[in-house]
């Protein structure tokens, strides 16, 4: 899957969920207040970054650890949007 498609899918997912807290709650299927590695599998880009995000090596992502991921994905989506935005033309 290309990076643009992943960014688009994540953008849509975040738009529907509205906030990182809602996404966290959605992924936390067992309502343990943490995202397990199995729960993270529902979002491949999250699962791919697991080792970097699980900073305390607990085996689960806390809301704080997930917020780091959500912020980086939001920044990536914004960068992709700006990169792909039409260039304004100056006519003089």
PDB file of N, CA and C in Angstrom:
ATOM      1  N   UNK A   1       0.853  -1.181   0.000  1.00  0.00           N
ATOM      2  CA  UNK A   1       0.000   0.000   0.000  1.00  0.00           C
ATOM      3  C   UNK A   1       0.890   1.232   0.000  1.00  0.00           C
ATOM      4  N   UNK A   2       0.588   2.194  -0.843  1.00  0.00           N
ATOM      5  CA  UNK A   2       1.445   3.371  -0.924  1.00  0.00           C
ATOM      6  C   UNK A   2       1.235   4.286   0.277  1.00  0.00           C
ATOM      7  N   UNK A   3       2.233   5.101   0.527  1.00  0.00           N
ATOM      8  CA  UNK A   3       2.181   6.011   1.672  1.00  0.00           C
ATOM      9  C   UNK A   3       1.025   6.993   1.542  1.00  0.00           C
ATOM     10  N   UNK A   4       0.739   7.457   0.307  1.00  0.00           N
ATOM     11  CA  UNK A   4      -0.376   8.401   0.113  1.00  0.00           C
ATOM     12  C   UNK A   4      -1.707   7.761   0.471  1.00  0.00           C
ATOM     13  N   UNK A   5      -1.872   6.492   0.119  1.00  0.00           N
ATOM     14  CA  UNK A   5      -3.116   5.802   0.454  1.00  0.00           C
ATOM     15  C   UNK A   5      -3.233   5.646   1.960  1.00  0.00           C
ATOM     16  N   UNK A   6      -2.138   5.269   2.603  1.00  0.00           N
ATOM     17  CA  UNK A   6      -2.149   5.119   4.060  1.00  0.00           C
ATOM     18  C   UNK A   6      -2.496   6.438   4.726  1.00  0.00           C
ATOM     19  N   UNK A   7      -1.887   7.520   4.266  1.00  0.00           N
ATOM     20  CA  UNK A   7      -2.165   8.842   4.842  1.00  0.00           C
ATOM     21  C   UNK A   7      -3.630   9.207   4.631  1.00  0.00           C
ATOM     22  N   UNK A   8      -4.167   8.920   3.445  1.00  0.00           N
ATOM     23  CA  UNK A   8      -5.571   9.223   3.163  1.00  0.00           C
ATOM     24  C   UNK A   8      -6.504   8.427   4.065  1.00  0.00           C
ATOM     25  N   UNK A   9      -6.193   7.146   4.239  1.00  0.00           N
ATOM     26  CA  UNK A   9      -7.019   6.292   5.095  1.00  0.00           C
ATOM     27  C   UNK A   9      -6.952   6.777   6.538  1.00  0.00           C
ATOM     28  N   UNK A  10      -5.762   7.073   6.994  1.00  0.00           N
ATOM     29  CA  UNK A  10      -5.623   7.569   8.364  1.00  0.00           C
ATOM     30  C   UNK A  10      -6.336   8.902   8.533  1.00  0.00           C
ATOM     31  N   UNK A  11      -6.206   9.765   7.524  1.00  0.00           N
ATOM     32  CA  UNK A  11      -6.890  11.049   7.589  1.00  0.00           C
ATOM     33  C   UNK A  11      -8.385  10.867   7.716  1.00  0.00           C
ATOM     34  N   UNK A  12      -8.933   9.954   6.936  1.00  0.00           N
ATOM     35  CA  UNK A  12     -10.365   9.675   7.018  1.00  0.00           C
ATOM     36  C   UNK A  12     -10.727   9.090   8.379  1.00  0.00           C
ATOM     37  N   UNK A  13      -9.882   8.197   8.862  1.00  0.00           N
ATOM     38  CA  UNK A  13     -10.136   7.576  10.170  1.00  0.00           C
ATOM     39  C   UNK A  13     -10.138   8.632  11.264  1.00  0.00           C
ATOM     40  N   UNK A  14      -9.147   9.523  11.230  1.00  0.00           N
ATOM     41  CA  UNK A  14      -9.083  10.569  12.241  1.00  0.00           C
ATOM     42  C   UNK A  14     -10.225  11.562  12.089  1.00  0.00           C
ATOM     43  N   UNK A  15     -10.637  11.850  10.869  1.00  0.00           N
ATOM     44  CA  UNK A  15     -11.746  12.778  10.647  1.00  0.00           C
ATOM     45  C   UNK A  15     -13.034  12.216  11.217  1.00  0.00           C
ATOM     46  N   UNK A  16     -13.268  10.928  11.026  1.00  0.00           N
ATOM     47  CA  UNK A  16     -14.478  10.298  11.543  1.00  0.00           C
ATOM     48  C   UNK A  16     -14.436  10.239  13.062  1.00  0.00           C
ATOM     49  N   UNK A  17     -13.300   9.870  13.591  1.00  0.00           N
ATOM     50  CA  UNK A  17     -13.180   9.718  15.037  1.00  0.00           C
ATOM     51  C   UNK A  17     -13.084  11.053  15.755  1.00  0.00           C
ATOM     52  N   UNK A  18     -12.623  12.087  15.048  1.00  0.00           N
ATOM     53  CA  UNK A  18     -12.544  13.456  15.532  1.00  0.00           C
ATOM     54  C   UNK A  18     -11.351  13.753  16.422  1.00  0.00           C
ATOM     55  N   UNK A  19     -11.023  12.902  17.369  1.00  0.00           N
ATOM     56  CA  UNK A  19      -9.888  13.168  18.246  1.00  0.00           C
ATOM     57  C   UNK A  19      -9.083  11.898  18.481  1.00  0.00           C
ATOM     58  N   UNK A  20      -7.838  12.097  18.885  1.00  0.00           N
ATOM     59  CA  UNK A  20      -6.985  10.944  19.194  1.00  0.00           C
ATOM     60  C   UNK A  20      -7.583  10.122  20.333  1.00  0.00           C
ATOM     61  N   UNK A  21      -8.251  10.777  21.252  1.00  0.00           N
ATOM     62  CA  UNK A  21      -8.890  10.067  22.359  1.00  0.00           C
ATOM     63  C   UNK A  21      -9.957   9.105  21.876  1.00  0.00           C
ATOM     64  N   UNK A  22     -10.743   9.540  20.872  1.00  0.00           N
ATOM     65  CA  UNK A  22     -11.772   8.669  20.314  1.00  0.00           C
ATOM     66  C   UNK A  22     -11.144   7.487  19.591  1.00  0.00           C
ATOM     67  N   UNK A  23     -10.058   7.722  18.868  1.00  0.00           N
ATOM     68  CA  UNK A  23      -9.370   6.637  18.165  1.00  0.00           C
ATOM     69  C   UNK A  23      -8.805   5.660  19.192  1.00  0.00           C
ATOM     70  N   UNK A  24      -8.193   6.189  20.224  1.00  0.00           N
ATOM     71  CA  UNK A  24      -7.643   5.343  21.286  1.00  0.00           C
ATOM     72  C   UNK A  24      -8.740   4.461  21.880  1.00  0.00           C
ATOM     73  N   UNK A  25      -9.876   5.070  22.200  1.00  0.00           N
ATOM     74  CA  UNK A  25     -10.995   4.332  22.792  1.00  0.00           C
ATOM     75  C   UNK A  25     -11.508   3.260  21.838  1.00  0.00           C
ATOM     76  N   UNK A  26     -11.568   3.582  20.555  1.00  0.00           N
ATOM     77  CA  UNK A  26     -12.027   2.622  19.558  1.00  0.00           C
ATOM     78  C   UNK A  26     -11.074   1.431  19.464  1.00  0.00           C
ATOM     79  N   UNK A  27      -9.774   1.709  19.461  1.00  0.00           N
ATOM     80  CA  UNK A  27      -8.791   0.628  19.365  1.00  0.00           C
ATOM     81  C   UNK A  27      -8.726  -0.209  20.635  1.00  0.00           C
ATOM     82  N   UNK A  28      -8.992   0.394  21.778  1.00  0.00           N
ATOM     83  CA  UNK A  28      -8.930  -0.300  23.069  1.00  0.00           C
ATOM     84  C   UNK A  28     -10.184  -1.154  23.259  1.00  0.00           C
ATOM     85  N   UNK A  29     -10.282  -2.221  22.464  1.00  0.00           N
ATOM     86  CA  UNK A  29     -11.491  -3.056  22.430  1.00  0.00           C
ATOM     87  C   UNK A  29     -11.840  -3.683  23.774  1.00  0.00           C
ATOM     88  N   UNK A  30     -10.835  -4.044  24.559  1.00  0.00           N
ATOM     89  CA  UNK A  30     -11.110  -4.685  25.850  1.00  0.00           C
ATOM     90  C   UNK A  30     -11.266  -3.674  26.986  1.00  0.00           C
ATOM     91  N   UNK A  31     -11.202  -2.387  26.660  1.00  0.00           N
ATOM     92  CA  UNK A  31     -11.381  -1.288  27.617  1.00  0.00           C
ATOM     93  C   UNK A  31     -10.435  -1.388  28.815  1.00  0.00           C
ATOM     94  N   UNK A  32      -9.173  -1.730  28.517  1.00  0.00           N
ATOM     95  CA  UNK A  32      -8.166  -1.860  29.572  1.00  0.00           C
ATOM     96  C   UNK A  32      -7.415  -0.557  29.826  1.00  0.00           C
ATOM     97  N   UNK A  33      -7.786   0.494  29.109  1.00  0.00           N
ATOM     98  CA  UNK A  33      -7.104   1.794  29.175  1.00  0.00           C
ATOM     99  C   UNK A  33      -5.705   1.733  28.579  1.00  0.00           C
ATOM    100  N   UNK A  34      -5.473   0.742  27.731  1.00  0.00           N
ATOM    101  CA  UNK A  34      -4.211   0.601  27.007  1.00  0.00           C
ATOM    102  C   UNK A  34      -4.498  -0.160  25.716  1.00  0.00           C
ATOM    103  N   UNK A  35      -3.668   0.055  24.719  1.00  0.00           N
ATOM    104  CA  UNK A  35      -3.819  -0.658  23.452  1.00  0.00           C
ATOM    105  C   UNK A  35      -2.797  -1.782  23.410  1.00  0.00           C
ATOM    106  N   UNK A  36      -3.298  -2.998  23.287  1.00  0.00           N
ATOM    107  CA  UNK A  36      -2.405  -4.153  23.202  1.00  0.00           C
ATOM    108  C   UNK A  36      -1.871  -4.263  21.780  1.00  0.00           C
ATOM    109  N   UNK A  37      -0.858  -5.089  21.620  1.00  0.00           N
ATOM    110  CA  UNK A  37      -0.288  -5.310  20.289  1.00  0.00           C
ATOM    111  C   UNK A  37      -1.343  -5.917  19.350  1.00  0.00           C
ATOM    112  N   UNK A  38      -2.183  -6.796  19.869  1.00  0.00           N
ATOM    113  CA  UNK A  38      -3.254  -7.380  19.059  1.00  0.00           C
ATOM    114  C   UNK A  38      -4.254  -6.311  18.628  1.00  0.00           C
ATOM    115  N   UNK A  39      -4.614  -5.415  19.533  1.00  0.00           N
ATOM    116  CA  UNK A  39      -5.548  -4.340  19.189  1.00  0.00           C
ATOM    117  C   UNK A  39      -4.924  -3.379  18.171  1.00  0.00           C
ATOM    118  N   UNK A  40      -3.632  -3.140  18.290  1.00  0.00           N
ATOM    119  CA  UNK A  40      -2.932  -2.243  17.370  1.00  0.00           C
ATOM    120  C   UNK A  40      -2.906  -2.782  15.948  1.00  0.00           C
ATOM    121  N   UNK A  41      -3.046  -4.094  15.799  1.00  0.00           N
ATOM    122  CA  UNK A  41      -3.032  -4.713  14.471  1.00  0.00           C
ATOM    123  C   UNK A  41      -4.150  -4.178  13.586  1.00  0.00           C
ATOM    124  N   UNK A  42      -5.194  -3.610  14.178  1.00  0.00           N
ATOM    125  CA  UNK A  42      -6.296  -3.027  13.405  1.00  0.00           C
ATOM    126  C   UNK A  42      -5.839  -1.790  12.637  1.00  0.00           C
ATOM    127  N   UNK A  43      -4.710  -1.232  13.020  1.00  0.00           N
ATOM    128  CA  UNK A  43      -4.156  -0.051  12.364  1.00  0.00           C
ATOM    129  C   UNK A  43      -2.705  -0.366  12.011  1.00  0.00           C
ATOM    130  N   UNK A  44      -2.466  -0.864  10.789  1.00  0.00           N
ATOM    131  CA  UNK A  44      -1.130  -1.330  10.417  1.00  0.00           C
ATOM    132  C   UNK A  44      -0.004  -0.326  10.663  1.00  0.00           C
ATOM    133  N   UNK A  45      -0.225   0.939  10.407  1.00  0.00           N
ATOM    134  CA  UNK A  45       0.856   1.910  10.623  1.00  0.00           C
ATOM    135  C   UNK A  45       1.207   2.035  12.100  1.00  0.00           C
ATOM    136  N   UNK A  46       0.231   1.838  12.968  1.00  0.00           N
ATOM    137  CA  UNK A  46       0.485   1.839  14.410  1.00  0.00           C
ATOM    138  C   UNK A  46       1.293   0.609  14.792  1.00  0.00           C
ATOM    139  N   UNK A  47       0.887  -0.540  14.286  1.00  0.00           N
ATOM    140  CA  UNK A  47       1.595  -1.789  14.587  1.00  0.00           C
ATOM    141  C   UNK A  47       3.043  -1.732  14.102  1.00  0.00           C
ATOM    142  N   UNK A  48       3.266  -1.110  12.937  1.00  0.00           N
ATOM    143  CA  UNK A  48       4.623  -1.012  12.384  1.00  0.00           C
ATOM    144  C   UNK A  48       5.555  -0.187  13.274  1.00  0.00           C
ATOM    145  N   UNK A  49       5.001   0.756  14.013  1.00  0.00           N
ATOM    146  CA  UNK A  49       5.817   1.640  14.853  1.00  0.00           C
ATOM    147  C   UNK A  49       5.826   1.214  16.320  1.00  0.00           C
ATOM    148  N   UNK A  50       5.327   0.035  16.586  1.00  0.00           N
ATOM    149  CA  UNK A  50       5.123  -0.432  17.956  1.00  0.00           C
ATOM    150  C   UNK A  50       6.354  -0.246  18.848  1.00  0.00           C
ATOM    151  N   UNK A  51       7.510  -0.740  18.408  1.00  0.00           N
ATOM    152  CA  UNK A  51       8.712  -0.694  19.257  1.00  0.00           C
ATOM    153  C   UNK A  51       9.088   0.733  19.639  1.00  0.00           C
ATOM    154  N   UNK A  52       8.951   1.665  18.707  1.00  0.00           N
ATOM    155  CA  UNK A  52       9.300   3.055  18.997  1.00  0.00           C
ATOM    156  C   UNK A  52       8.274   3.720  19.929  1.00  0.00           C
ATOM    157  N   UNK A  53       7.020   3.318  19.798  1.00  0.00           N
ATOM    158  CA  UNK A  53       5.957   3.957  20.576  1.00  0.00           C
ATOM    159  C   UNK A  53       5.850   3.424  22.001  1.00  0.00           C
ATOM    160  N   UNK A  54       6.119   2.153  22.201  1.00  0.00           N
ATOM    161  CA  UNK A  54       6.027   1.552  23.534  1.00  0.00           C
ATOM    162  C   UNK A  54       7.291   1.894  24.319  1.00  0.00           C
ATOM    163  N   UNK A  55       7.402   3.156  24.681  1.00  0.00           N
ATOM    164  CA  UNK A  55       8.645   3.665  25.278  1.00  0.00           C
ATOM    165  C   UNK A  55       8.968   3.056  26.640  1.00  0.00           C
ATOM    166  N   UNK A  56       7.953   2.615  27.362  1.00  0.00           N
ATOM    167  CA  UNK A  56       8.232   1.991  28.661  1.00  0.00           C
ATOM    168  C   UNK A  56       8.330   0.465  28.570  1.00  0.00           C
ATOM    169  N   UNK A  57       8.246  -0.072  27.358  1.00  0.00           N
ATOM    170  CA  UNK A  57       8.366  -1.514  27.094  1.00  0.00           C
ATOM    171  C   UNK A  57       7.405  -2.356  27.932  1.00  0.00           C
ATOM    172  N   UNK A  58       6.195  -1.810  28.142  1.00  0.00           N
ATOM    173  CA  UNK A  58       5.196  -2.521  28.940  1.00  0.00           C
ATOM    174  C   UNK A  58       4.434  -3.566  28.135  1.00  0.00           C
ATOM    175  N   UNK A  59       4.530  -3.483  26.810  1.00  0.00           N
ATOM    176  CA  UNK A  59       3.776  -4.396  25.968  1.00  0.00           C
ATOM    177  C   UNK A  59       2.424  -3.850  25.554  1.00  0.00           C
ATOM    178  N   UNK A  60       2.058  -2.699  26.098  1.00  0.00           N
ATOM    179  CA  UNK A  60       0.816  -2.003  25.753  1.00  0.00           C
ATOM    180  C   UNK A  60       1.146  -0.541  25.500  1.00  0.00           C
ATOM    181  N   UNK A  61       0.268   0.130  24.742  1.00  0.00           N
ATOM    182  CA  UNK A  61       0.435   1.570  24.562  1.00  0.00           C
ATOM    183  C   UNK A  61      -0.527   2.302  25.479  1.00  0.00           C
ATOM    184  N   UNK A  62       0.021   3.194  26.269  1.00  0.00           N
ATOM    185  CA  UNK A  62      -0.811   4.046  27.114  1.00  0.00           C
ATOM    186  C   UNK A  62      -1.420   5.144  26.243  1.00  0.00           C
ATOM    187  N   UNK A  63      -2.349   5.891  26.801  1.00  0.00           N
ATOM    188  CA  UNK A  63      -2.945   7.007  26.070  1.00  0.00           C
ATOM    189  C   UNK A  63      -1.872   8.024  25.694  1.00  0.00           C
ATOM    190  N   UNK A  64      -0.900   8.230  26.565  1.00  0.00           N
ATOM    191  CA  UNK A  64       0.180   9.177  26.292  1.00  0.00           C
ATOM    192  C   UNK A  64       1.060   8.692  25.139  1.00  0.00           C
ATOM    193  N   UNK A  65       1.391   7.411  25.155  1.00  0.00           N
ATOM    194  CA  UNK A  65       2.209   6.849  24.070  1.00  0.00           C
ATOM    195  C   UNK A  65       1.443   6.902  22.743  1.00  0.00           C
ATOM    196  N   UNK A  66       0.147   6.623  22.781  1.00  0.00           N
ATOM    197  CA  UNK A  66      -0.653   6.692  21.566  1.00  0.00           C
ATOM    198  C   UNK A  66      -0.758   8.131  21.060  1.00  0.00           C
ATOM    199  N   UNK A  67      -0.822   9.094  21.961  1.00  0.00           N
ATOM    200  CA  UNK A  67      -0.919  10.503  21.566  1.00  0.00           C
ATOM    201  C   UNK A  67       0.299  10.927  20.745  1.00  0.00           C
ATOM    202  N   UNK A  68       1.467  10.384  21.053  1.00  0.00           N
ATOM    203  CA  UNK A  68       2.676  10.667  20.274  1.00  0.00           C
ATOM    204  C   UNK A  68       2.483  10.180  18.840  1.00  0.00           C
ATOM    205  N   UNK A  69       1.943   8.980  18.702  1.00  0.00           N
ATOM    206  CA  UNK A  69       1.658   8.419  17.378  1.00  0.00           C
ATOM    207  C   UNK A  69       0.640   9.288  16.633  1.00  0.00           C
ATOM    208  N   UNK A  70      -0.454   9.617  17.298  1.00  0.00           N
ATOM    209  CA  UNK A  70      -1.516  10.399  16.654  1.00  0.00           C
ATOM    210  C   UNK A  70      -0.994  11.761  16.195  1.00  0.00           C
ATOM    211  N   UNK A  71      -0.171  12.386  17.011  1.00  0.00           N
ATOM    212  CA  UNK A  71       0.384  13.688  16.645  1.00  0.00           C
ATOM    213  C   UNK A  71       1.293  13.561  15.423  1.00  0.00           C
ATOM    214  N   UNK A  72       2.120  12.522  15.388  1.00  0.00           N
ATOM    215  CA  UNK A  72       3.029  12.357  14.250  1.00  0.00           C
ATOM    216  C   UNK A  72       2.250  12.036  12.974  1.00  0.00           C
ATOM    217  N   UNK A  73       1.181  11.249  13.073  1.00  0.00           N
ATOM    218  CA  UNK A  73       0.362  10.927  11.903  1.00  0.00           C
ATOM    219  C   UNK A  73      -0.398  12.154  11.417  1.00  0.00           C
ATOM    220  N   UNK A  74      -0.863  12.972  12.336  1.00  0.00           N
ATOM    221  CA  UNK A  74      -1.568  14.199  11.953  1.00  0.00           C
ATOM    222  C   UNK A  74      -0.605  15.134  11.227  1.00  0.00           C
ATOM    223  N   UNK A  75       0.608  15.261  11.737  1.00  0.00           N
ATOM    224  CA  UNK A  75       1.615  16.106  11.083  1.00  0.00           C
ATOM    225  C   UNK A  75       1.954  15.579   9.700  1.00  0.00           C
ATOM    226  N   UNK A  76       2.072  14.268   9.563  1.00  0.00           N
ATOM    227  CA  UNK A  76       2.372  13.661   8.262  1.00  0.00           C
ATOM    228  C   UNK A  76       1.236  13.909   7.282  1.00  0.00           C
ATOM    229  N   UNK A  77       0.000  13.800   7.756  1.00  0.00           N
ATOM    230  CA  UNK A  77      -1.154  14.030   6.885  1.00  0.00           C
ATOM    231  C   UNK A  77      -1.211  15.486   6.446  1.00  0.00           C
ATOM    232  N   UNK A  78      -0.926  16.402   7.364  1.00  0.00           N
ATOM    233  CA  UNK A  78      -0.930  17.826   7.024  1.00  0.00           C
ATOM    234  C   UNK A  78       0.178  18.136   6.030  1.00  0.00           C
ATOM    235  N   UNK A  79       1.342  17.559   6.216  1.00  0.00           N
ATOM    236  CA  UNK A  79       2.459  17.768   5.294  1.00  0.00           C
ATOM    237  C   UNK A  79       2.119  17.250   3.904  1.00  0.00           C
ATOM    238  N   UNK A  80       1.493  16.076   3.849  1.00  0.00           N
ATOM    239  CA  UNK A  80       1.115  15.499   2.553  1.00  0.00           C
ATOM    240  C   UNK A  80       0.073  16.373   1.868  1.00  0.00           C
ATOM    241  N   UNK A  81      -0.854  16.915   2.637  1.00  0.00           N
ATOM    242  CA  UNK A  81      -1.877  17.782   2.074  1.00  0.00           C
ATOM    243  C   UNK A  81      -1.247  19.043   1.513  1.00  0.00           C
ATOM    244  N   UNK A  82      -0.322  19.621   2.250  1.00  0.00           N
ATOM    245  CA  UNK A  82       0.341  20.843   1.793  1.00  0.00           C
ATOM    246  C   UNK A  82       1.202  20.557   0.562  1.00  0.00           C
ATOM    247  N   UNK A  83       1.868  19.413   0.545  1.00  0.00           N
ATOM    248  CA  UNK A  83       2.727  19.038  -0.571  1.00  0.00           C
ATOM    249  C   UNK A  83       1.911  18.853  -1.841  1.00  0.00           C
ATOM    250  N   UNK A  84       0.721  18.264  -1.705  1.00  0.00           N
ATOM    251  CA  UNK A  84      -0.121  17.965  -2.847  1.00  0.00           C
ATOM    252  C   UNK A  84      -1.076  19.097  -3.214  1.00  0.00           C
ATOM    253  N   UNK A  85      -1.080  20.168  -2.420  1.00  0.00           N
ATOM    254  CA  UNK A  85      -1.988  21.288  -2.699  1.00  0.00           C
ATOM    255  C   UNK A  85      -1.569  21.977  -4.000  1.00  0.00           C
ATOM    256  N   UNK A  86      -2.561  22.447  -4.744  1.00  0.00           N
ATOM    257  CA  UNK A  86      -2.223  23.149  -5.994  1.00  0.00           C
ATOM    258  C   UNK A  86      -1.416  24.408  -5.689  1.00  0.00           C
ATOM    259  N   UNK A  87      -0.464  24.662  -6.525  1.00  0.00           N
ATOM    260  CA  UNK A  87       0.357  25.868  -6.375  1.00  0.00           C
ATOM    261  C   UNK A  87      -0.422  27.067  -6.904  1.00  0.00           C
ATOM    262  N   UNK A  88      -0.372  28.147  -6.164  1.00  0.00           N
ATOM    263  CA  UNK A  88      -1.063  29.339  -6.658  1.00  0.00           C
ATOM    264  C   UNK A  88      -0.233  29.976  -7.751  1.00  0.00           C
ATOM    265  N   UNK A  89      -0.915  30.493  -8.725  1.00  0.00           N
ATOM    266  CA  UNK A  89      -0.191  31.147  -9.823  1.00  0.00           C
ATOM    267  C   UNK A  89      -0.407  32.631  -9.723  1.00  0.00           C
ATOM    268  N   UNK A  90       0.620  33.319  -9.945  1.00  0.00           N
ATOM    269  CA  UNK A  90       0.585  34.771  -9.893  1.00  0.00           C
ATOM    270  C   UNK A  90       0.507  35.298 -11.312  1.00  0.00           C
ATOM    271  N   UNK A  91      -0.545  36.030 -11.612  1.00  0.00           N
ATOM    272  CA  UNK A  91      -0.699  36.589 -12.952  1.00  0.00           C
ATOM    273  C   UNK A  91      -0.580  38.085 -12.885  1.00  0.00           C
ATOM    274  N   UNK A  92       0.449  38.628 -13.542  1.00  0.00           N
ATOM    275  CA  UNK A  92       0.660  40.081 -13.515  1.00  0.00           C
ATOM    276  C   UNK A  92       0.775  40.600 -14.893  1.00  0.00           C
TER     277      UNK A  92
END
